[in-house]
Amino acid sequence: MSSARFPSPEWVEAYCRALNESPEYRRAGRGWVWPILFIATDLPEDLRSIYTSNNPGFLLDLYDGECRGYRFFDDALKADAPFIISARFSDWVDIILGKESPVSALIRRKLVLRKGDMAAVLRYASAAIEMVKAAQRVGGVTS
């Protein structure tokens, strides 16, 4: 477990490492070849003083079951990627803590696919579940 708090650059670094240490993610993510930009909105008060844009996020360079790298953005709304997924901070927390699956969150629009092909995302539902498990191993998620 990392001592870094979601969604900090340190957390993202530990998350990318956790994905690469997961044989389950490597298997489930085989065939996925697009970077994904994850955006957190509606931050709690203590994080708003750190991320003044109120929209921090990170790009994961995901390729064939591997996290090849990452970039952190204080204002992720100014970044771009082939796939962009955003959610309120509290909904990210619920997903990472396992209170809601990433697939049901997408269907219920708690996770918003701002850019990209929904059918492609849904084809990799098992990879999304393994990504959540990797995030749980990182820890650092509090509301």
Protein backbone atom coordinates (compact mmCIF):
# COMPACT_ATOMS: atom_id res chain seq x y z
CA MET A 1 0.00 0.00 0.00
CA SER A 2 1.14 3.46 -0.89
CA SER A 3 0.86 6.40 1.47
CA ALA A 4 -0.08 8.65 -1.47
CA ARG A 5 -3.64 9.94 -1.69
CA PHE A 6 -5.85 9.64 -4.76
CA PRO A 7 -5.55 11.42 -7.24
CA SER A 8 -2.01 12.76 -6.54
CA PRO A 9 0.94 12.27 -8.91
CA GLU A 10 2.45 9.89 -6.32
CA TRP A 11 -0.76 7.86 -6.27
CA VAL A 12 -0.79 7.64 -10.07
CA GLU A 13 2.82 6.44 -10.10
CA ALA A 14 1.98 3.71 -7.57
CA TYR A 15 -1.16 2.82 -9.55
CA CYS A 16 0.74 2.37 -12.82
CA ARG A 17 3.21 0.13 -10.96
CA ALA A 18 0.35 -1.88 -9.39
CA LEU A 19 -1.18 -2.46 -12.83
CA ASN A 20 2.16 -3.76 -14.12
CA GLU A 21 2.49 -6.08 -11.12
CA SER A 22 -0.93 -7.63 -11.82
CA PRO A 23 -0.92 -10.75 -14.01
CA GLU A 24 -4.73 -10.56 -13.99
CA TYR A 25 -4.68 -7.04 -15.46
CA ARG A 26 -2.02 -8.05 -18.00
CA ARG A 27 -4.30 -10.86 -19.20
CA ALA A 28 -7.57 -8.86 -19.14
CA GLY A 29 -6.00 -5.79 -20.79
CA ARG A 30 -4.47 -7.70 -23.70
CA GLY A 31 -5.59 -6.01 -26.91
CA TRP A 32 -6.37 -2.58 -25.37
CA VAL A 33 -3.96 -0.12 -27.04
CA TRP A 34 -5.26 3.37 -26.18
CA PRO A 35 -4.30 5.86 -23.49
CA ILE A 36 -7.08 6.83 -21.09
CA LEU A 37 -7.44 10.19 -19.37
CA PHE A 38 -9.16 9.94 -15.97
CA ILE A 39 -10.60 13.17 -14.52
CA ALA A 40 -11.84 13.78 -10.97
CA THR A 41 -14.36 16.61 -10.48
CA ASP A 42 -16.14 18.08 -7.47
CA LEU A 43 -13.26 17.59 -5.07
CA PRO A 44 -13.69 17.72 -1.30
CA GLU A 45 -12.65 20.98 0.35
CA ASP A 46 -9.22 19.77 1.52
CA LEU A 47 -8.24 18.77 -2.03
CA ARG A 48 -9.56 21.99 -3.61
CA SER A 49 -6.76 23.86 -1.85
CA ILE A 50 -4.22 21.54 -3.54
CA TYR A 51 -5.79 21.27 -7.02
CA THR A 52 -7.11 24.74 -7.69
CA SER A 53 -8.68 23.77 -11.04
CA ASN A 54 -10.98 21.36 -9.14
CA ASN A 55 -10.41 18.97 -12.09
CA PRO A 56 -7.17 17.06 -11.56
CA GLY A 57 -6.56 13.92 -13.52
CA PHE A 58 -4.09 11.61 -15.09
CA LEU A 59 -3.38 9.94 -18.38
CA LEU A 60 -2.39 6.30 -18.32
CA ASP A 61 -0.55 4.99 -21.36
CA LEU A 62 -2.21 1.58 -21.40
CA TYR A 63 -1.05 -0.82 -24.08
CA ASP A 64 -1.75 -4.53 -24.36
CA GLY A 65 -2.08 -5.19 -20.62
CA GLU A 66 0.72 -2.88 -19.54
CA CYS A 67 0.90 0.63 -18.11
CA ARG A 68 3.74 2.12 -20.15
CA GLY A 69 3.65 5.44 -18.30
CA TYR A 70 1.49 8.21 -16.95
CA ARG A 71 1.09 11.97 -16.88
CA PHE A 72 -0.59 13.96 -14.15
CA PHE A 73 -2.56 17.15 -14.85
CA ASP A 74 -3.61 19.77 -12.30
CA ASP A 75 -6.34 20.70 -14.78
CA ALA A 76 -7.16 17.59 -16.76
CA LEU A 77 -9.90 19.40 -18.71
CA LYS A 78 -7.05 20.95 -20.74
CA ALA A 79 -5.63 17.52 -21.65
CA ASP A 80 -6.71 15.13 -24.40
CA ALA A 81 -6.63 11.40 -25.07
CA PRO A 82 -8.43 8.87 -27.27
CA PHE A 83 -10.55 7.91 -24.23
CA ILE A 84 -11.57 10.35 -21.51
CA ILE A 85 -13.50 9.23 -18.42
CA SER A 86 -14.59 11.65 -15.73
CA ALA A 87 -16.48 11.34 -12.48
CA ARG A 88 -17.10 13.22 -9.29
CA PHE A 89 -14.39 12.52 -6.72
CA SER A 90 -16.93 10.78 -4.44
CA ASP A 91 -17.97 8.43 -7.27
CA TRP A 92 -14.31 7.54 -7.98
CA VAL A 93 -13.93 6.74 -4.28
CA ASP A 94 -17.02 4.49 -4.33
CA ILE A 95 -15.69 2.63 -7.37
CA ILE A 96 -12.18 2.19 -5.99
CA LEU A 97 -13.53 1.04 -2.63
CA GLY A 98 -15.67 -1.55 -4.44
CA LYS A 99 -19.04 -0.04 -3.51
CA GLU A 100 -19.95 0.11 -7.20
CA SER A 101 -18.53 -1.69 -10.23
CA PRO A 102 -16.96 0.45 -12.96
CA VAL A 103 -19.32 -1.08 -15.54
CA SER A 104 -22.50 -0.23 -13.59
CA ALA A 105 -21.07 3.24 -12.88
CA LEU A 106 -20.66 3.79 -16.64
CA ILE A 107 -24.16 2.56 -17.38
CA ARG A 108 -25.62 4.73 -14.59
CA ARG A 109 -23.51 7.69 -15.84
CA LYS A 110 -21.63 8.11 -12.59
CA LEU A 111 -18.57 7.54 -14.77
CA VAL A 112 -18.90 9.69 -17.88
CA LEU A 113 -17.20 8.63 -21.09
CA ARG A 114 -16.43 12.10 -22.45
CA LYS A 115 -14.52 10.76 -25.42
CA GLY A 116 -14.06 7.31 -26.93
CA ASP A 117 -16.09 4.31 -28.01
CA MET A 118 -18.40 2.89 -25.34
CA ALA A 119 -18.51 -0.52 -27.07
CA ALA A 120 -14.70 -0.75 -26.85
CA VAL A 121 -14.78 0.15 -23.16
CA LEU A 122 -17.47 -2.43 -22.41
CA ARG A 123 -15.53 -5.14 -24.28
CA TYR A 124 -12.79 -4.65 -21.68
CA ALA A 125 -15.05 -4.78 -18.62
CA SER A 126 -12.85 -7.48 -17.04
CA ALA A 127 -9.80 -5.20 -17.46
CA ALA A 128 -11.71 -2.39 -15.75
CA ILE A 129 -12.45 -4.68 -12.81
CA GLU A 130 -8.76 -5.62 -12.57
CA MET A 131 -7.87 -1.91 -12.70
CA VAL A 132 -10.10 -1.32 -9.68
CA LYS A 133 -8.42 -4.18 -7.82
CA ALA A 134 -5.01 -2.63 -8.57
CA ALA A 135 -6.27 0.75 -7.27
CA GLN A 136 -7.45 -0.97 -4.10
CA ARG A 137 -3.95 -2.37 -3.58
CA VAL A 138 -2.55 1.17 -3.88
CA GLY A 139 -4.96 2.49 -1.23
CA GLY A 140 -4.92 6.19 -0.38
CA VAL A 141 -8.60 6.60 -1.15
CA THR A 142 -10.64 8.61 1.33
CA SER A 143 -13.73 10.71 0.84
